[in-house]
Amino acid sequence: MNPIKEDRRVRKTRRAILDALLSLTREQGLHAVTVGGITDRADINRATFYAHYRDKQDLIEQAVSEVLSEWGTVEEHRWAGSGSEVDFDRLLPIFTHMFEKIGKHAEFYRIMLGPGGYPGFSENLRDVMCRLIRHSHHRVLELKRARPLVDPDIYLSYVTSAQLGVIIHWLHQETPHSPEYMAEQLMLLYRLGAVQAADYEG
């Protein structure tokens, strides 16, 4: 068989398997999903499933890994400018890129972060965000040659939890706002802080 056709066939089969997993998880909760249910929904036989995955857990882990691997392009951005101050203007493209990546796989994120989803996914996502923020935060401290007012670990826990909460809210509301709008809102929270951002204009 032509390698290109074979590759397309593999991608199509894996897509069908993942779609089956997500639809069943949305209906039943991930714990109730079985390989048999996946193969029935995807209209494939078990041999085809096992040609791609060892079991349901392997399918989940590979799917999570593939989705989160796209965050590598987010991490290529830099938070700190060339000077000694934080360049907040650089936050906008970083956050926009982040929400674009999440929006691209919104259904996956929504289901896996939902009540019947994959319990480990929120921690996987938190770890990725923590790594991104830690790199940026440490870079800023190096440039400013200053000691942080807040313990770095506490700061990271606060920021990543808040950011994850915003992401989950956006997903559960069926992504009513564009990635650009969400990025602008998140940037304002970073720039102003939670207390000042809660104030009103006028």
N, C-alpha and C. Protein backbone atom coordinates (compact mmCIF):
# COMPACT_ATOMS: atom_id res chain seq x y z
N MET A 1 0.84 -1.20 0.00
CA MET A 1 0.00 0.00 0.00
C MET A 1 0.87 1.25 0.00
N ASN A 2 0.39 2.28 -0.67
CA ASN A 2 1.09 3.57 -0.69
C ASN A 2 1.26 4.08 0.74
N PRO A 3 2.52 4.46 1.14
CA PRO A 3 2.76 4.93 2.51
C PRO A 3 1.89 6.11 2.91
N ILE A 4 1.61 7.00 1.97
CA ILE A 4 0.79 8.17 2.28
C ILE A 4 -0.64 7.74 2.60
N LYS A 5 -1.16 6.82 1.77
CA LYS A 5 -2.51 6.31 2.01
C LYS A 5 -2.57 5.56 3.34
N GLU A 6 -1.51 4.79 3.61
CA GLU A 6 -1.45 4.03 4.86
C GLU A 6 -1.45 4.98 6.05
N ASP A 7 -0.67 6.07 5.95
CA ASP A 7 -0.60 7.04 7.03
C ASP A 7 -1.95 7.70 7.26
N ARG A 8 -2.63 8.04 6.18
CA ARG A 8 -3.96 8.64 6.30
C ARG A 8 -4.94 7.67 6.94
N ARG A 9 -4.80 6.42 6.56
CA ARG A 9 -5.68 5.39 7.11
C ARG A 9 -5.45 5.24 8.61
N VAL A 10 -4.19 5.27 9.02
CA VAL A 10 -3.86 5.17 10.45
C VAL A 10 -4.43 6.36 11.21
N ARG A 11 -4.24 7.56 10.67
CA ARG A 11 -4.75 8.76 11.32
C ARG A 11 -6.27 8.73 11.43
N LYS A 12 -6.92 8.25 10.38
CA LYS A 12 -8.38 8.18 10.38
C LYS A 12 -8.87 7.19 11.43
N THR A 13 -8.19 6.05 11.54
CA THR A 13 -8.58 5.05 12.53
C THR A 13 -8.37 5.57 13.94
N ARG A 14 -7.22 6.17 14.19
CA ARG A 14 -6.94 6.71 15.52
C ARG A 14 -7.90 7.85 15.87
N ARG A 15 -8.28 8.64 14.89
CA ARG A 15 -9.25 9.71 15.12
C ARG A 15 -10.59 9.13 15.51
N ALA A 16 -11.00 8.05 14.82
CA ALA A 16 -12.28 7.40 15.11
C ALA A 16 -12.28 6.82 16.52
N ILE A 17 -11.15 6.24 16.91
CA ILE A 17 -11.03 5.67 18.26
C ILE A 17 -11.12 6.76 19.31
N LEU A 18 -10.41 7.87 19.09
CA LEU A 18 -10.45 8.97 20.06
C LEU A 18 -11.84 9.59 20.13
N ASP A 19 -12.47 9.78 18.99
CA ASP A 19 -13.83 10.34 18.98
C ASP A 19 -14.79 9.44 19.75
N ALA A 20 -14.61 8.13 19.60
CA ALA A 20 -15.45 7.18 20.33
C ALA A 20 -15.21 7.29 21.83
N LEU A 21 -13.95 7.39 22.22
CA LEU A 21 -13.61 7.54 23.64
C LEU A 21 -14.26 8.79 24.22
N LEU A 22 -14.16 9.90 23.50
CA LEU A 22 -14.70 11.17 24.01
C LEU A 22 -16.23 11.14 24.09
N SER A 23 -16.88 10.62 23.08
CA SER A 23 -18.34 10.60 23.10
C SER A 23 -18.86 9.69 24.21
N LEU A 24 -18.21 8.55 24.42
CA LEU A 24 -18.61 7.64 25.49
C LEU A 24 -18.32 8.23 26.86
N THR A 25 -17.20 8.93 26.98
CA THR A 25 -16.86 9.57 28.25
C THR A 25 -17.89 10.64 28.59
N ARG A 26 -18.31 11.39 27.60
CA ARG A 26 -19.32 12.43 27.82
C ARG A 26 -20.64 11.81 28.27
N GLU A 27 -20.97 10.63 27.75
CA GLU A 27 -22.24 9.99 28.07
C GLU A 27 -22.20 9.20 29.38
N GLN A 28 -21.08 8.49 29.62
CA GLN A 28 -21.03 7.52 30.71
C GLN A 28 -20.05 7.88 31.82
N GLY A 29 -19.09 8.71 31.52
CA GLY A 29 -17.98 8.91 32.44
C GLY A 29 -16.86 7.96 32.05
N LEU A 30 -15.64 8.42 32.17
CA LEU A 30 -14.49 7.65 31.68
C LEU A 30 -14.37 6.29 32.35
N HIS A 31 -14.70 6.23 33.64
CA HIS A 31 -14.54 4.97 34.38
C HIS A 31 -15.40 3.85 33.81
N ALA A 32 -16.51 4.21 33.17
CA ALA A 32 -17.43 3.19 32.64
C ALA A 32 -17.12 2.79 31.20
N VAL A 33 -16.22 3.49 30.57
CA VAL A 33 -15.90 3.20 29.17
C VAL A 33 -15.04 1.95 29.07
N THR A 34 -15.37 1.08 28.14
CA THR A 34 -14.61 -0.15 27.92
C THR A 34 -14.06 -0.18 26.50
N VAL A 35 -13.08 -1.04 26.30
CA VAL A 35 -12.53 -1.21 24.95
C VAL A 35 -13.63 -1.69 24.00
N GLY A 36 -14.48 -2.60 24.49
CA GLY A 36 -15.58 -3.08 23.66
C GLY A 36 -16.51 -1.96 23.24
N GLY A 37 -16.79 -1.07 24.18
CA GLY A 37 -17.65 0.07 23.86
C GLY A 37 -17.00 0.99 22.84
N ILE A 38 -15.70 1.18 22.98
CA ILE A 38 -14.97 2.03 22.04
C ILE A 38 -14.99 1.44 20.63
N THR A 39 -14.72 0.14 20.54
CA THR A 39 -14.68 -0.49 19.21
C THR A 39 -16.05 -0.50 18.55
N ASP A 40 -17.10 -0.70 19.36
CA ASP A 40 -18.45 -0.66 18.81
C ASP A 40 -18.78 0.74 18.28
N ARG A 41 -18.44 1.76 19.08
CA ARG A 41 -18.76 3.13 18.69
C ARG A 41 -17.93 3.56 17.47
N ALA A 42 -16.69 3.12 17.42
CA ALA A 42 -15.80 3.49 16.31
C ALA A 42 -16.01 2.60 15.08
N ASP A 43 -16.81 1.55 15.25
CA ASP A 43 -17.10 0.60 14.17
C ASP A 43 -15.83 -0.06 13.65
N ILE A 44 -15.03 -0.56 14.60
CA ILE A 44 -13.83 -1.31 14.27
C ILE A 44 -13.82 -2.57 15.12
N ASN A 45 -12.93 -3.51 14.80
CA ASN A 45 -12.83 -4.70 15.63
C ASN A 45 -11.73 -4.52 16.68
N ARG A 46 -11.71 -5.42 17.63
CA ARG A 46 -10.74 -5.31 18.73
C ARG A 46 -9.30 -5.41 18.23
N ALA A 47 -9.08 -6.24 17.22
CA ALA A 47 -7.72 -6.39 16.69
C ALA A 47 -7.19 -5.06 16.17
N THR A 48 -8.06 -4.29 15.55
CA THR A 48 -7.65 -2.98 15.05
C THR A 48 -7.30 -2.05 16.21
N PHE A 49 -8.12 -2.08 17.25
CA PHE A 49 -7.82 -1.24 18.43
C PHE A 49 -6.47 -1.60 19.01
N TYR A 50 -6.24 -2.90 19.22
CA TYR A 50 -4.99 -3.34 19.86
C TYR A 50 -3.78 -3.21 18.94
N ALA A 51 -4.01 -2.95 17.68
CA ALA A 51 -2.89 -2.67 16.77
C ALA A 51 -2.35 -1.26 17.03
N HIS A 52 -3.15 -0.44 17.69
CA HIS A 52 -2.76 0.95 17.96
C HIS A 52 -2.48 1.21 19.45
N TYR A 53 -3.20 0.52 20.33
CA TYR A 53 -3.08 0.79 21.76
C TYR A 53 -3.07 -0.51 22.56
N ARG A 54 -2.35 -0.49 23.68
CA ARG A 54 -2.30 -1.69 24.53
C ARG A 54 -3.64 -1.90 25.24
N ASP A 55 -4.23 -0.81 25.71
CA ASP A 55 -5.49 -0.87 26.44
C ASP A 55 -6.08 0.53 26.51
N LYS A 56 -7.16 0.68 27.26
CA LYS A 56 -7.81 1.99 27.36
C LYS A 56 -6.88 3.03 27.97
N GLN A 57 -6.15 2.64 28.99
CA GLN A 57 -5.25 3.58 29.65
C GLN A 57 -4.17 4.09 28.70
N ASP A 58 -3.66 3.20 27.87
CA ASP A 58 -2.64 3.60 26.89
C ASP A 58 -3.22 4.60 25.90
N LEU A 59 -4.46 4.38 25.49
CA LEU A 59 -5.14 5.32 24.60
C LEU A 59 -5.25 6.70 25.25
N ILE A 60 -5.67 6.72 26.51
CA ILE A 60 -5.83 7.99 27.23
C ILE A 60 -4.49 8.70 27.35
N GLU A 61 -3.47 7.97 27.77
CA GLU A 61 -2.16 8.59 27.99
C GLU A 61 -1.56 9.12 26.69
N GLN A 62 -1.72 8.38 25.60
CA GLN A 62 -1.21 8.86 24.32
C GLN A 62 -1.96 10.11 23.85
N ALA A 63 -3.27 10.10 24.05
CA ALA A 63 -4.08 11.25 23.64
C ALA A 63 -3.70 12.49 24.44
N VAL A 64 -3.54 12.33 25.75
CA VAL A 64 -3.14 13.45 26.61
C VAL A 64 -1.77 13.97 26.20
N SER A 65 -0.84 13.04 25.96
CA SER A 65 0.51 13.43 25.58
C SER A 65 0.53 14.21 24.27
N GLU A 66 -0.26 13.77 23.30
CA GLU A 66 -0.30 14.45 22.00
C GLU A 66 -0.88 15.86 22.13
N VAL A 67 -1.93 16.00 22.91
CA VAL A 67 -2.55 17.31 23.09
C VAL A 67 -1.62 18.26 23.83
N LEU A 68 -1.01 17.78 24.90
CA LEU A 68 -0.15 18.65 25.70
C LEU A 68 1.18 18.94 25.02
N SER A 69 1.57 18.10 24.07
CA SER A 69 2.83 18.36 23.36
C SER A 69 2.78 19.68 22.59
N GLU A 70 1.58 20.11 22.24
CA GLU A 70 1.44 21.37 21.51
C GLU A 70 1.77 22.58 22.38
N TRP A 71 1.82 22.39 23.69
CA TRP A 71 2.18 23.49 24.58
C TRP A 71 3.65 23.84 24.44
N GLY A 72 4.42 22.98 23.78
CA GLY A 72 5.83 23.27 23.57
C GLY A 72 6.02 24.56 22.80
N THR A 73 5.11 24.83 21.85
CA THR A 73 5.22 26.06 21.08
C THR A 73 4.86 27.27 21.92
N VAL A 74 4.02 27.07 22.93
CA VAL A 74 3.70 28.17 23.85
C VAL A 74 4.93 28.52 24.66
N GLU A 75 5.67 27.49 25.08
CA GLU A 75 6.84 27.70 25.93
C GLU A 75 7.98 28.38 25.20
N GLU A 76 7.92 28.43 23.87
CA GLU A 76 8.98 29.08 23.12
C GLU A 76 8.94 30.60 23.28
N HIS A 77 7.79 31.12 23.71
CA HIS A 77 7.67 32.56 23.92
C HIS A 77 8.44 32.97 25.17
N ARG A 78 8.71 34.25 25.28
CA ARG A 78 9.42 34.77 26.45
C ARG A 78 8.57 35.83 27.13
N TRP A 79 8.48 35.73 28.45
CA TRP A 79 7.69 36.68 29.22
C TRP A 79 8.47 37.97 29.43
N ALA A 80 9.73 37.86 29.81
CA ALA A 80 10.52 39.04 30.15
C ALA A 80 11.07 39.72 28.91
N GLY A 81 11.12 41.04 28.95
CA GLY A 81 11.70 41.80 27.86
C GLY A 81 13.20 41.84 28.00
N SER A 82 13.83 42.66 27.22
CA SER A 82 15.28 42.74 27.24
C SER A 82 15.78 43.63 28.38
N GLY A 83 14.86 44.42 28.97
CA GLY A 83 15.26 45.30 30.06
C GLY A 83 15.11 44.63 31.41
N SER A 84 15.00 45.45 32.45
CA SER A 84 14.92 44.92 33.80
C SER A 84 13.48 44.79 34.29
N GLU A 85 12.52 45.17 33.46
CA GLU A 85 11.13 45.11 33.87
C GLU A 85 10.38 44.04 33.08
N VAL A 86 9.26 43.61 33.64
CA VAL A 86 8.42 42.64 32.95
C VAL A 86 7.75 43.33 31.77
N ASP A 87 7.86 42.76 30.60
CA ASP A 87 7.21 43.31 29.42
C ASP A 87 5.82 42.67 29.31
N PHE A 88 4.81 43.36 29.86
CA PHE A 88 3.47 42.79 29.88
C PHE A 88 2.89 42.65 28.48
N ASP A 89 3.39 43.46 27.53
CA ASP A 89 2.89 43.34 26.17
C ASP A 89 3.17 41.95 25.60
N ARG A 90 4.20 41.30 26.13
CA ARG A 90 4.53 39.96 25.64
C ARG A 90 3.58 38.90 26.18
N LEU A 91 2.83 39.25 27.21
CA LEU A 91 1.87 38.29 27.74
C LEU A 91 0.74 38.03 26.76
N LEU A 92 0.34 39.06 26.02
CA LEU A 92 -0.82 38.92 25.13
C LEU A 92 -0.63 37.83 24.08
N PRO A 93 0.47 37.83 23.31
CA PRO A 93 0.63 36.73 22.34
C PRO A 93 0.82 35.37 23.00
N ILE A 94 1.43 35.34 24.19
CA ILE A 94 1.60 34.07 24.89
C ILE A 94 0.24 33.50 25.28
N PHE A 95 -0.60 34.33 25.91
CA PHE A 95 -1.91 33.88 26.34
C PHE A 95 -2.82 33.58 25.16
N THR A 96 -2.72 34.39 24.11
CA THR A 96 -3.52 34.13 22.91
C THR A 96 -3.17 32.77 22.32
N HIS A 97 -1.88 32.50 22.22
CA HIS A 97 -1.41 31.22 21.69
C HIS A 97 -1.91 30.07 22.56
N MET A 98 -1.89 30.27 23.87
CA MET A 98 -2.34 29.24 24.80
C MET A 98 -3.82 28.93 24.59
N PHE A 99 -4.65 29.96 24.52
CA PHE A 99 -6.09 29.74 24.33
C PHE A 99 -6.39 29.19 22.94
N GLU A 100 -5.60 29.54 21.95
CA GLU A 100 -5.79 28.96 20.62
C GLU A 100 -5.53 27.46 20.64
N LYS A 101 -4.48 27.04 21.35
CA LYS A 101 -4.17 25.62 21.44
C LYS A 101 -5.28 24.87 22.16
N ILE A 102 -5.80 25.46 23.23
CA ILE A 102 -6.88 24.82 23.97
C ILE A 102 -8.16 24.80 23.13
N GLY A 103 -8.44 25.92 22.45
CA GLY A 103 -9.63 25.98 21.62
C GLY A 103 -9.61 24.98 20.48
N LYS A 104 -8.43 24.69 19.97
CA LYS A 104 -8.28 23.72 18.88
C LYS A 104 -8.78 22.35 19.30
N HIS A 105 -8.59 22.02 20.57
CA HIS A 105 -9.01 20.72 21.10
C HIS A 105 -10.02 20.93 22.23
N ALA A 106 -10.92 21.90 22.04
CA ALA A 106 -11.84 22.29 23.12
C ALA A 106 -12.66 21.12 23.65
N GLU A 107 -13.15 20.27 22.76
CA GLU A 107 -13.98 19.15 23.19
C GLU A 107 -13.18 18.19 24.06
N PHE A 108 -11.93 17.94 23.69
CA PHE A 108 -11.07 17.05 24.47
C PHE A 108 -10.85 17.64 25.86
N TYR A 109 -10.45 18.91 25.91
CA TYR A 109 -10.21 19.56 27.20
C TYR A 109 -11.48 19.58 28.05
N ARG A 110 -12.60 19.93 27.43
CA ARG A 110 -13.86 20.05 28.16
C ARG A 110 -14.26 18.73 28.80
N ILE A 111 -14.15 17.65 28.04
CA ILE A 111 -14.56 16.34 28.54
C ILE A 111 -13.57 15.80 29.57
N MET A 112 -12.29 15.90 29.27
CA MET A 112 -11.29 15.34 30.17
C MET A 112 -11.14 16.13 31.47
N LEU A 113 -11.47 17.42 31.43
CA LEU A 113 -11.43 18.23 32.65
C LEU A 113 -12.77 18.23 33.38
N GLY A 114 -13.78 17.61 32.78
CA GLY A 114 -15.11 17.58 33.37
C GLY A 114 -15.23 16.56 34.49
N PRO A 115 -16.39 16.50 35.14
CA PRO A 115 -16.60 15.60 36.28
C PRO A 115 -16.43 14.12 35.97
N GLY A 116 -16.70 13.72 34.74
CA GLY A 116 -16.55 12.31 34.38
C GLY A 116 -15.31 12.03 33.58
N GLY A 117 -14.40 13.01 33.55
CA GLY A 117 -13.21 12.90 32.72
C GLY A 117 -12.04 12.19 33.37
N TYR A 118 -10.85 12.52 32.91
CA TYR A 118 -9.62 11.86 33.36
C TYR A 118 -9.06 12.62 34.55
N PRO A 119 -9.05 12.03 35.74
CA PRO A 119 -8.61 12.74 36.95
C PRO A 119 -7.19 13.29 36.85
N GLY A 120 -6.32 12.60 36.12
CA GLY A 120 -4.94 13.05 36.05
C GLY A 120 -4.70 14.19 35.07
N PHE A 121 -5.71 14.51 34.25
CA PHE A 121 -5.48 15.51 33.21
C PHE A 121 -5.28 16.91 33.78
N SER A 122 -6.04 17.27 34.80
CA SER A 122 -5.88 18.61 35.37
C SER A 122 -4.49 18.78 35.96
N GLU A 123 -3.95 17.72 36.56
CA GLU A 123 -2.59 17.81 37.11
C GLU A 123 -1.56 17.87 35.99
N ASN A 124 -1.79 17.11 34.92
CA ASN A 124 -0.89 17.19 33.76
C ASN A 124 -0.86 18.60 33.20
N LEU A 125 -2.03 19.20 33.07
CA LEU A 125 -2.13 20.55 32.52
C LEU A 125 -1.52 21.57 33.47
N ARG A 126 -1.76 21.38 34.76
CA ARG A 126 -1.20 22.29 35.76
C ARG A 126 0.33 22.24 35.74
N ASP A 127 0.88 21.05 35.56
CA ASP A 127 2.34 20.90 35.51
C ASP A 127 2.93 21.64 34.31
N VAL A 128 2.25 21.55 33.16
CA VAL A 128 2.72 22.24 31.96
C VAL A 128 2.69 23.75 32.17
N MET A 129 1.58 24.26 32.72
CA MET A 129 1.47 25.69 32.97
C MET A 129 2.48 26.15 34.01
N CYS A 130 2.69 25.34 35.03
CA CYS A 130 3.64 25.67 36.08
C CYS A 130 5.04 25.79 35.52
N ARG A 131 5.40 24.89 34.62
CA ARG A 131 6.73 24.93 34.00
C ARG A 131 6.90 26.20 33.18
N LEU A 132 5.87 26.56 32.44
CA LEU A 132 5.91 27.77 31.63
C LEU A 132 6.05 29.02 32.50
N ILE A 133 5.24 29.11 33.54
CA ILE A 133 5.26 30.29 34.40
C ILE A 133 6.53 30.34 35.22
N ARG A 134 7.01 29.19 35.70
CA ARG A 134 8.24 29.17 36.50
C ARG A 134 9.41 29.71 35.68
N HIS A 135 9.52 29.27 34.44
CA HIS A 135 10.61 29.75 33.58
C HIS A 135 10.55 31.26 33.43
N SER A 136 9.35 31.77 33.16
CA SER A 136 9.18 33.20 32.95
C SER A 136 9.44 33.98 34.22
N HIS A 137 8.92 33.48 35.34
CA HIS A 137 9.06 34.17 36.63
C HIS A 137 10.53 34.23 37.04
N HIS A 138 11.23 33.12 36.90
CA HIS A 138 12.65 33.10 37.27
C HIS A 138 13.46 34.03 36.38
N ARG A 139 13.08 34.10 35.11
CA ARG A 139 13.79 35.00 34.19
C ARG A 139 13.61 36.45 34.61
N VAL A 140 12.41 36.81 35.03
CA VAL A 140 12.15 38.17 35.48
C VAL A 140 12.97 38.50 36.72
N LEU A 141 13.02 37.56 37.67
CA LEU A 141 13.79 37.79 38.89
C LEU A 141 15.27 37.96 38.59
N GLU A 142 15.77 37.21 37.61
CA GLU A 142 17.18 37.35 37.23
C GLU A 142 17.44 38.73 36.65
N LEU A 143 16.54 39.20 35.80
CA LEU A 143 16.72 40.50 35.17
C LEU A 143 16.60 41.64 36.18
N LYS A 144 15.68 41.49 37.12
CA LYS A 144 15.46 42.55 38.10
C LYS A 144 16.46 42.48 39.25
N ARG A 145 17.16 41.33 39.37
CA ARG A 145 18.09 41.11 40.48
C ARG A 145 17.41 41.43 41.82
N ALA A 146 16.23 40.86 41.97
CA ALA A 146 15.44 41.15 43.17
C ALA A 146 14.92 39.86 43.80
N ARG A 147 14.61 39.97 45.07
CA ARG A 147 13.99 38.86 45.78
C ARG A 147 12.48 39.02 45.69
N PRO A 148 11.76 37.94 45.47
CA PRO A 148 10.31 38.04 45.34
C PRO A 148 9.65 38.35 46.69
N LEU A 149 8.55 39.10 46.65
CA LEU A 149 7.80 39.39 47.87
C LEU A 149 7.04 38.16 48.35
N VAL A 150 6.60 37.34 47.39
CA VAL A 150 5.84 36.14 47.71
C VAL A 150 6.69 34.92 47.42
N ASP A 151 6.62 33.94 48.30
CA ASP A 151 7.34 32.68 48.10
C ASP A 151 7.04 32.15 46.69
N PRO A 152 8.07 31.86 45.88
CA PRO A 152 7.86 31.42 44.49
C PRO A 152 6.93 30.23 44.35
N ASP A 153 7.04 29.25 45.26
CA ASP A 153 6.18 28.07 45.16
C ASP A 153 4.72 28.43 45.41
N ILE A 154 4.48 29.33 46.37
CA ILE A 154 3.12 29.77 46.66
C ILE A 154 2.59 30.59 45.48
N TYR A 155 3.44 31.43 44.94
CA TYR A 155 3.06 32.24 43.78
C TYR A 155 2.66 31.34 42.61
N LEU A 156 3.47 30.33 42.32
CA LEU A 156 3.19 29.42 41.21
C LEU A 156 1.88 28.66 41.43
N SER A 157 1.66 28.22 42.66
CA SER A 157 0.44 27.50 42.97
C SER A 157 -0.79 28.38 42.76
N TYR A 158 -0.68 29.62 43.22
CA TYR A 158 -1.80 30.58 43.08
C TYR A 158 -2.09 30.88 41.61
N VAL A 159 -1.05 31.21 40.87
CA VAL A 159 -1.22 31.63 39.48
C VAL A 159 -1.72 30.48 38.61
N THR A 160 -1.14 29.30 38.75
CA THR A 160 -1.56 28.18 37.91
C THR A 160 -2.98 27.74 38.24
N SER A 161 -3.34 27.76 39.52
CA SER A 161 -4.71 27.38 39.90
C SER A 161 -5.72 28.38 39.34
N ALA A 162 -5.38 29.68 39.43
CA ALA A 162 -6.28 30.71 38.90
C ALA A 162 -6.40 30.59 37.39
N GLN A 163 -5.28 30.36 36.74
CA GLN A 163 -5.28 30.25 35.28
C GLN A 163 -6.07 29.04 34.83
N LEU A 164 -5.90 27.92 35.52
CA LEU A 164 -6.65 26.71 35.19
C LEU A 164 -8.15 26.94 35.40
N GLY A 165 -8.49 27.67 36.45
CA GLY A 165 -9.89 27.98 36.71
C GLY A 165 -10.51 28.79 35.58
N VAL A 166 -9.77 29.75 35.06
CA VAL A 166 -10.25 30.56 33.94
C VAL A 166 -10.45 29.69 32.70
N ILE A 167 -9.51 28.80 32.45
CA ILE A 167 -9.60 27.90 31.29
C ILE A 167 -10.84 27.01 31.40
N ILE A 168 -11.05 26.41 32.57
CA ILE A 168 -12.19 25.52 32.77
C ILE A 168 -13.51 26.28 32.61
N HIS A 169 -13.56 27.49 33.16
CA HIS A 169 -14.77 28.32 33.02
C HIS A 169 -15.06 28.58 31.54
N TRP A 170 -14.04 28.94 30.80
CA TRP A 170 -14.19 29.22 29.37
C TRP A 170 -14.70 27.99 28.63
N LEU A 171 -14.16 26.84 28.94
CA LEU A 171 -14.56 25.60 28.27
C LEU A 171 -15.99 25.22 28.63
N HIS A 172 -16.34 25.31 29.90
CA HIS A 172 -17.68 24.91 30.34
C HIS A 172 -18.76 25.86 29.84
N GLN A 173 -18.36 27.08 29.50
CA GLN A 173 -19.31 28.03 28.91
C GLN A 173 -19.37 27.88 27.39
N GLU A 174 -18.78 26.81 26.87
CA GLU A 174 -18.76 26.53 25.43
C GLU A 174 -17.97 27.59 24.66
N THR A 175 -16.87 28.02 25.25
CA THR A 175 -15.94 28.99 24.64
C THR A 175 -16.66 30.16 23.96
N PRO A 176 -17.45 30.94 24.74
CA PRO A 176 -18.21 32.04 24.13
C PRO A 176 -17.35 33.20 23.64
N HIS A 177 -16.15 33.32 24.19
CA HIS A 177 -15.26 34.41 23.81
C HIS A 177 -14.08 33.88 23.00
N SER A 178 -13.53 34.73 22.17
CA SER A 178 -12.39 34.35 21.33
C SER A 178 -11.13 34.19 22.18
N PRO A 179 -10.14 33.45 21.67
CA PRO A 179 -8.86 33.34 22.37
C PRO A 179 -8.24 34.71 22.63
N GLU A 180 -8.42 35.63 21.69
CA GLU A 180 -7.86 36.98 21.85
C GLU A 180 -8.50 37.70 23.04
N TYR A 181 -9.81 37.58 23.16
CA TYR A 181 -10.52 38.22 24.27
C TYR A 181 -10.08 37.62 25.60
N MET A 182 -10.01 36.30 25.66
CA MET A 182 -9.61 35.62 26.90
C MET A 182 -8.18 36.00 27.28
N ALA A 183 -7.33 36.11 26.27
CA ALA A 183 -5.93 36.49 26.53
C ALA A 183 -5.87 37.90 27.11
N GLU A 184 -6.68 38.80 26.58
CA GLU A 184 -6.70 40.18 27.08
C GLU A 184 -7.18 40.23 28.53
N GLN A 185 -8.21 39.44 28.83
CA GLN A 185 -8.74 39.41 30.20
C GLN A 185 -7.71 38.84 31.17
N LEU A 186 -7.04 37.78 30.76
CA LEU A 186 -6.03 37.17 31.63
C LEU A 186 -4.85 38.11 31.82
N MET A 187 -4.49 38.83 30.77
CA MET A 187 -3.40 39.79 30.87
C MET A 187 -3.73 40.90 31.87
N LEU A 188 -4.99 41.35 31.86
CA LEU A 188 -5.42 42.38 32.81
C LEU A 188 -5.32 41.87 34.24
N LEU A 189 -5.69 40.62 34.45
CA LEU A 189 -5.58 40.04 35.79
C LEU A 189 -4.13 40.00 36.25
N TYR A 190 -3.23 39.66 35.34
CA TYR A 190 -1.81 39.64 35.68
C TYR A 190 -1.29 41.05 35.94
N ARG A 191 -1.71 41.98 35.12
CA ARG A 191 -1.19 43.35 35.22
C ARG A 191 -1.71 44.06 36.47
N LEU A 192 -3.02 43.89 36.75
CA LEU A 192 -3.65 44.64 37.83
C LEU A 192 -3.67 43.90 39.17
N GLY A 193 -3.70 42.57 39.10
CA GLY A 193 -3.89 41.81 40.33
C GLY A 193 -5.37 41.62 40.57
N ALA A 194 -5.73 40.59 41.33
CA ALA A 194 -7.14 40.22 41.49
C ALA A 194 -7.96 41.31 42.16
N VAL A 195 -7.42 41.97 43.18
CA VAL A 195 -8.18 42.97 43.93
C VAL A 195 -8.48 44.19 43.07
N GLN A 196 -7.47 44.73 42.42
CA GLN A 196 -7.66 45.92 41.59
C GLN A 196 -8.51 45.60 40.36
N ALA A 197 -8.35 44.40 39.81
CA ALA A 197 -9.11 44.02 38.61
C ALA A 197 -10.60 43.90 38.92
N ALA A 198 -10.94 43.66 40.19
CA ALA A 198 -12.34 43.51 40.57
C ALA A 198 -13.04 44.86 40.75
N ASP A 199 -12.28 45.97 40.67
CA ASP A 199 -12.85 47.30 40.80
C ASP A 199 -13.66 47.65 39.55
N TYR A 200 -14.39 48.73 39.62
CA TYR A 200 -15.26 49.13 38.52
C TYR A 200 -14.79 50.43 37.89
N GLU A 201 -15.07 50.56 36.60
CA GLU A 201 -14.79 51.81 35.92
C GLU A 201 -15.89 52.82 36.24
N GLY A 202 -15.56 54.10 36.12
CA GLY A 202 -16.58 55.11 36.30
C GLY A 202 -16.38 55.91 37.56
